[in-house]
Amino acid sequence: MATVELRFSALPEHVRTARLVAAAVARRAGVDEAVLDEVRLAVGEACSRAVGLHQSGGISAPVTVVLTEEEKQFSIQVGDEARHQPLHAVGAPGVVDEADAEEDEMGLAVISGLVDDVEVTAGENGGSIRMTWPTNPSPTILP
């Protein structure tokens, strides 16, 4: 299992770098060429979401992106350190406003539309979005 970890300051200009790295590692892992645009878009959306959460929460910790190549799949996990609250808590002290909550839900809907296998976790100490794609097995080269 090969893993690449990327950590970047929560600034919008670093999202593009994360997208480029994700696409390059996905290609090397064997993700189908036709799916690479979806990988780029999904990673961009997940990273933009994490950057927004960090900026709105005043969090100086970096956003993390972990790219993992396994035998038959490739996964990307984008993590943030923002405090997540249930949507019904909007308006409570320290909770994002309704517009931010709607934007967050829209971002998650976009990711879900791009990636078949998505797992979202969130809590008081941060959250993550784990996206997984199948890989094509390397062709066997016979002598």
C-alpha atoms as a PDB file:
ATOM      1  CA  MET A   1       0.000   0.000   0.000  1.00  0.00           C
ATOM      2  CA  ALA A   2       1.541   3.291  -1.132  1.00  0.00           C
ATOM      3  CA  THR A   3       0.521   6.520   0.585  1.00  0.00           C
ATOM      4  CA  VAL A   4       1.146  10.177  -0.183  1.00  0.00           C
ATOM      5  CA  GLU A   5       0.238  12.809   2.399  1.00  0.00           C
ATOM      6  CA  LEU A   6      -0.181  16.470   1.552  1.00  0.00           C
ATOM      7  CA  ARG A   7      -0.649  19.193   4.156  1.00  0.00           C
ATOM      8  CA  PHE A   8      -1.311  22.783   3.184  1.00  0.00           C
ATOM      9  CA  SER A   9      -2.257  26.079   4.796  1.00  0.00           C
ATOM     10  CA  ALA A  10      -5.976  26.750   4.581  1.00  0.00           C
ATOM     11  CA  LEU A  11      -5.696  29.164   1.672  1.00  0.00           C
ATOM     12  CA  PRO A  12      -7.754  28.926  -1.537  1.00  0.00           C
ATOM     13  CA  GLU A  13      -4.661  29.191  -3.741  1.00  0.00           C
ATOM     14  CA  HIS A  14      -3.387  25.839  -2.449  1.00  0.00           C
ATOM     15  CA  VAL A  15      -6.502  23.945  -3.581  1.00  0.00           C
ATOM     16  CA  ARG A  16      -5.246  23.877  -7.175  1.00  0.00           C
ATOM     17  CA  THR A  17      -1.998  22.249  -6.065  1.00  0.00           C
ATOM     18  CA  ALA A  18      -3.944  19.576  -4.169  1.00  0.00           C
ATOM     19  CA  ARG A  19      -6.032  18.890  -7.294  1.00  0.00           C
ATOM     20  CA  LEU A  20      -2.941  18.506  -9.479  1.00  0.00           C
ATOM     21  CA  VAL A  21      -1.206  16.202  -7.000  1.00  0.00           C
ATOM     22  CA  ALA A  22      -4.356  14.086  -6.610  1.00  0.00           C
ATOM     23  CA  ALA A  23      -4.737  13.668 -10.371  1.00  0.00           C
ATOM     24  CA  ALA A  24      -1.072  12.729 -10.827  1.00  0.00           C
ATOM     25  CA  VAL A  25      -1.124  10.156  -8.021  1.00  0.00           C
ATOM     26  CA  ALA A  26      -4.486   8.759  -9.210  1.00  0.00           C
ATOM     27  CA  ARG A  27      -3.117   8.311 -12.730  1.00  0.00           C
ATOM     28  CA  ARG A  28      -0.056   6.513 -11.380  1.00  0.00           C
ATOM     29  CA  ALA A  29      -2.269   4.299  -9.188  1.00  0.00           C
ATOM     30  CA  GLY A  30      -4.229   3.103 -12.211  1.00  0.00           C
ATOM     31  CA  VAL A  31      -7.439   5.125 -12.013  1.00  0.00           C
ATOM     32  CA  ASP A  32      -9.103   5.150 -15.438  1.00  0.00           C
ATOM     33  CA  GLU A  33      -8.186   8.214 -17.532  1.00  0.00           C
ATOM     34  CA  ALA A  34     -11.876   8.944 -18.121  1.00  0.00           C
ATOM     35  CA  VAL A  35     -12.388   9.397 -14.367  1.00  0.00           C
ATOM     36  CA  LEU A  36      -9.450  11.734 -13.683  1.00  0.00           C
ATOM     37  CA  ASP A  37     -11.523  14.881 -14.253  1.00  0.00           C
ATOM     38  CA  GLU A  38     -13.979  13.653 -11.627  1.00  0.00           C
ATOM     39  CA  VAL A  39     -11.078  13.019  -9.233  1.00  0.00           C
ATOM     40  CA  ARG A  40      -9.804  16.568  -9.786  1.00  0.00           C
ATOM     41  CA  LEU A  41     -13.233  18.126  -9.314  1.00  0.00           C
ATOM     42  CA  ALA A  42     -14.093  16.078  -6.220  1.00  0.00           C
ATOM     43  CA  VAL A  43     -10.742  16.813  -4.555  1.00  0.00           C
ATOM     44  CA  GLY A  44     -11.091  20.489  -5.419  1.00  0.00           C
ATOM     45  CA  GLU A  45     -14.552  20.604  -3.877  1.00  0.00           C
ATOM     46  CA  ALA A  46     -13.484  18.721  -0.730  1.00  0.00           C
ATOM     47  CA  CYS A  47     -10.390  20.889  -0.273  1.00  0.00           C
ATOM     48  CA  SER A  48     -12.330  24.112  -0.894  1.00  0.00           C
ATOM     49  CA  ARG A  49     -14.846  23.004   1.733  1.00  0.00           C
ATOM     50  CA  ALA A  50     -12.077  22.279   4.249  1.00  0.00           C
ATOM     51  CA  VAL A  51     -10.380  25.626   3.527  1.00  0.00           C
ATOM     52  CA  GLY A  52     -13.690  27.436   4.007  1.00  0.00           C
ATOM     53  CA  LEU A  53     -14.349  25.669   7.303  1.00  0.00           C
ATOM     54  CA  HIS A  54     -10.872  26.524   8.566  1.00  0.00           C
ATOM     55  CA  GLN A  55     -11.138  30.152   7.514  1.00  0.00           C
ATOM     56  CA  SER A  56     -14.619  30.687   8.955  1.00  0.00           C
ATOM     57  CA  GLY A  57     -13.584  28.989  12.199  1.00  0.00           C
ATOM     58  CA  GLY A  58     -10.296  30.882  12.537  1.00  0.00           C
ATOM     59  CA  ILE A  59      -8.335  27.615  12.476  1.00  0.00           C
ATOM     60  CA  SER A  60      -4.637  27.916  11.639  1.00  0.00           C
ATOM     61  CA  ALA A  61      -3.991  24.170  11.353  1.00  0.00           C
ATOM     62  CA  PRO A  62      -3.310  22.834   7.854  1.00  0.00           C
ATOM     63  CA  VAL A  63      -5.781  20.906   5.711  1.00  0.00           C
ATOM     64  CA  THR A  64      -4.632  17.320   5.156  1.00  0.00           C
ATOM     65  CA  VAL A  65      -5.002  15.208   2.035  1.00  0.00           C
ATOM     66  CA  VAL A  66      -4.043  11.523   2.220  1.00  0.00           C
ATOM     67  CA  LEU A  67      -3.839   9.624  -1.072  1.00  0.00           C
ATOM     68  CA  THR A  68      -3.696   5.849  -0.711  1.00  0.00           C
ATOM     69  CA  GLU A  69      -3.086   3.270  -3.419  1.00  0.00           C
ATOM     70  CA  GLU A  70      -4.302  -0.200  -2.521  1.00  0.00           C
ATOM     71  CA  GLU A  71      -4.478  -3.381  -4.555  1.00  0.00           C
ATOM     72  CA  LYS A  72      -7.744  -2.692  -6.400  1.00  0.00           C
ATOM     73  CA  GLN A  73      -8.683   0.801  -5.292  1.00  0.00           C
ATOM     74  CA  PHE A  74      -7.403   4.319  -4.834  1.00  0.00           C
ATOM     75  CA  SER A  75      -8.694   6.558  -2.064  1.00  0.00           C
ATOM     76  CA  ILE A  76      -8.321  10.184  -1.103  1.00  0.00           C
ATOM     77  CA  GLN A  77      -9.154  11.480   2.339  1.00  0.00           C
ATOM     78  CA  VAL A  78      -9.451  15.224   2.891  1.00  0.00           C
ATOM     79  CA  GLY A  79      -9.396  16.195   6.551  1.00  0.00           C
ATOM     80  CA  ASP A  80     -10.166  19.385   8.406  1.00  0.00           C
ATOM     81  CA  GLU A  81      -9.951  20.387  12.064  1.00  0.00           C
ATOM     82  CA  ALA A  82     -13.146  22.442  12.145  1.00  0.00           C
ATOM     83  CA  ARG A  83     -15.827  21.847  14.716  1.00  0.00           C
ATOM     84  CA  HIS A  84     -18.865  20.330  13.009  1.00  0.00           C
ATOM     85  CA  GLN A  85     -22.394  20.693  14.315  1.00  0.00           C
ATOM     86  CA  PRO A  86     -25.633  19.054  13.227  1.00  0.00           C
ATOM     87  CA  LEU A  87     -27.608  21.240  10.820  1.00  0.00           C
ATOM     88  CA  HIS A  88     -30.506  21.553  13.264  1.00  0.00           C
ATOM     89  CA  ALA A  89     -28.149  23.432  15.599  1.00  0.00           C
ATOM     90  CA  VAL A  90     -27.847  26.376  13.188  1.00  0.00           C
ATOM     91  CA  GLY A  91     -28.292  29.599  15.138  1.00  0.00           C
ATOM     92  CA  ALA A  92     -26.859  28.222  18.370  1.00  0.00           C
ATOM     93  CA  PRO A  93     -23.765  29.992  19.754  1.00  0.00           C
ATOM     94  CA  GLY A  94     -20.631  29.174  17.772  1.00  0.00           C
ATOM     95  CA  VAL A  95     -22.533  27.446  14.976  1.00  0.00           C
ATOM     96  CA  VAL A  96     -22.324  28.407  11.311  1.00  0.00           C
ATOM     97  CA  ASP A  97     -25.168  30.431   9.870  1.00  0.00           C
ATOM     98  CA  GLU A  98     -27.817  29.034   7.573  1.00  0.00           C
ATOM     99  CA  ALA A  99     -26.097  30.208   4.357  1.00  0.00           C
ATOM    100  CA  ASP A 100     -22.837  28.476   5.358  1.00  0.00           C
ATOM    101  CA  ALA A 101     -24.743  25.294   6.217  1.00  0.00           C
ATOM    102  CA  GLU A 102     -26.486  25.325   2.822  1.00  0.00           C
ATOM    103  CA  GLU A 103     -23.165  25.886   1.021  1.00  0.00           C
ATOM    104  CA  ASP A 104     -21.636  22.987   2.963  1.00  0.00           C
ATOM    105  CA  GLU A 105     -24.516  20.687   1.999  1.00  0.00           C
ATOM    106  CA  MET A 106     -24.235  21.788  -1.642  1.00  0.00           C
ATOM    107  CA  GLY A 107     -20.505  20.941  -1.654  1.00  0.00           C
ATOM    108  CA  LEU A 108     -21.201  17.493  -0.231  1.00  0.00           C
ATOM    109  CA  ALA A 109     -23.921  16.952  -2.855  1.00  0.00           C
ATOM    110  CA  VAL A 110     -21.477  17.842  -5.645  1.00  0.00           C
ATOM    111  CA  ILE A 111     -18.901  15.385  -4.273  1.00  0.00           C
ATOM    112  CA  SER A 112     -21.536  12.651  -3.961  1.00  0.00           C
ATOM    113  CA  GLY A 113     -22.527  13.259  -7.573  1.00  0.00           C
ATOM    114  CA  LEU A 114     -18.922  12.869  -8.749  1.00  0.00           C
ATOM    115  CA  VAL A 115     -17.842   9.895  -6.620  1.00  0.00           C
ATOM    116  CA  ASP A 116     -19.745   6.639  -6.129  1.00  0.00           C
ATOM    117  CA  ASP A 117     -17.971   5.663  -2.907  1.00  0.00           C
ATOM    118  CA  VAL A 118     -17.920   8.572  -0.424  1.00  0.00           C
ATOM    119  CA  GLU A 119     -17.714   8.484   3.354  1.00  0.00           C
ATOM    120  CA  VAL A 120     -18.165  11.686   5.368  1.00  0.00           C
ATOM    121  CA  THR A 121     -17.317  11.879   9.051  1.00  0.00           C
ATOM    122  CA  ALA A 122     -17.658  14.940  11.239  1.00  0.00           C
ATOM    123  CA  GLY A 123     -17.405  15.793  14.895  1.00  0.00           C
ATOM    124  CA  GLU A 124     -16.268  18.403  17.364  1.00  0.00           C
ATOM    125  CA  ASN A 125     -12.579  17.766  16.599  1.00  0.00           C
ATOM    126  CA  GLY A 126     -12.787  17.881  12.827  1.00  0.00           C
ATOM    127  CA  GLY A 127     -14.066  15.934   9.897  1.00  0.00           C
ATOM    128  CA  SER A 128     -13.032  14.110   6.791  1.00  0.00           C
ATOM    129  CA  ILE A 129     -14.282  13.131   3.386  1.00  0.00           C
ATOM    130  CA  ARG A 130     -12.980   9.802   2.079  1.00  0.00           C
ATOM    131  CA  MET A 131     -13.475   9.136  -1.623  1.00  0.00           C
ATOM    132  CA  THR A 132     -12.612   5.844  -3.313  1.00  0.00           C
ATOM    133  CA  TRP A 133     -12.226   4.843  -6.965  1.00  0.00           C
ATOM    134  CA  PRO A 134     -11.460   1.443  -8.519  1.00  0.00           C
ATOM    135  CA  THR A 135      -8.116   0.958 -10.234  1.00  0.00           C
ATOM    136  CA  ASN A 136      -7.233  -1.020 -13.299  1.00  0.00           C
ATOM    137  CA  PRO A 137      -4.822  -3.850 -12.592  1.00  0.00           C
ATOM    138  CA  SER A 138      -1.422  -3.418 -14.161  1.00  0.00           C
ATOM    139  CA  PRO A 139      -1.067  -5.495 -17.306  1.00  0.00           C
ATOM    140  CA  THR A 140       1.175  -8.493 -16.977  1.00  0.00           C
ATOM    141  CA  ILE A 141       4.109  -8.291 -19.346  1.00  0.00           C
ATOM    142  CA  LEU A 142       5.228 -11.674 -20.549  1.00  0.00           C
ATOM    143  CA  PRO A 143       8.772 -12.249 -21.771  1.00  0.00           C
END
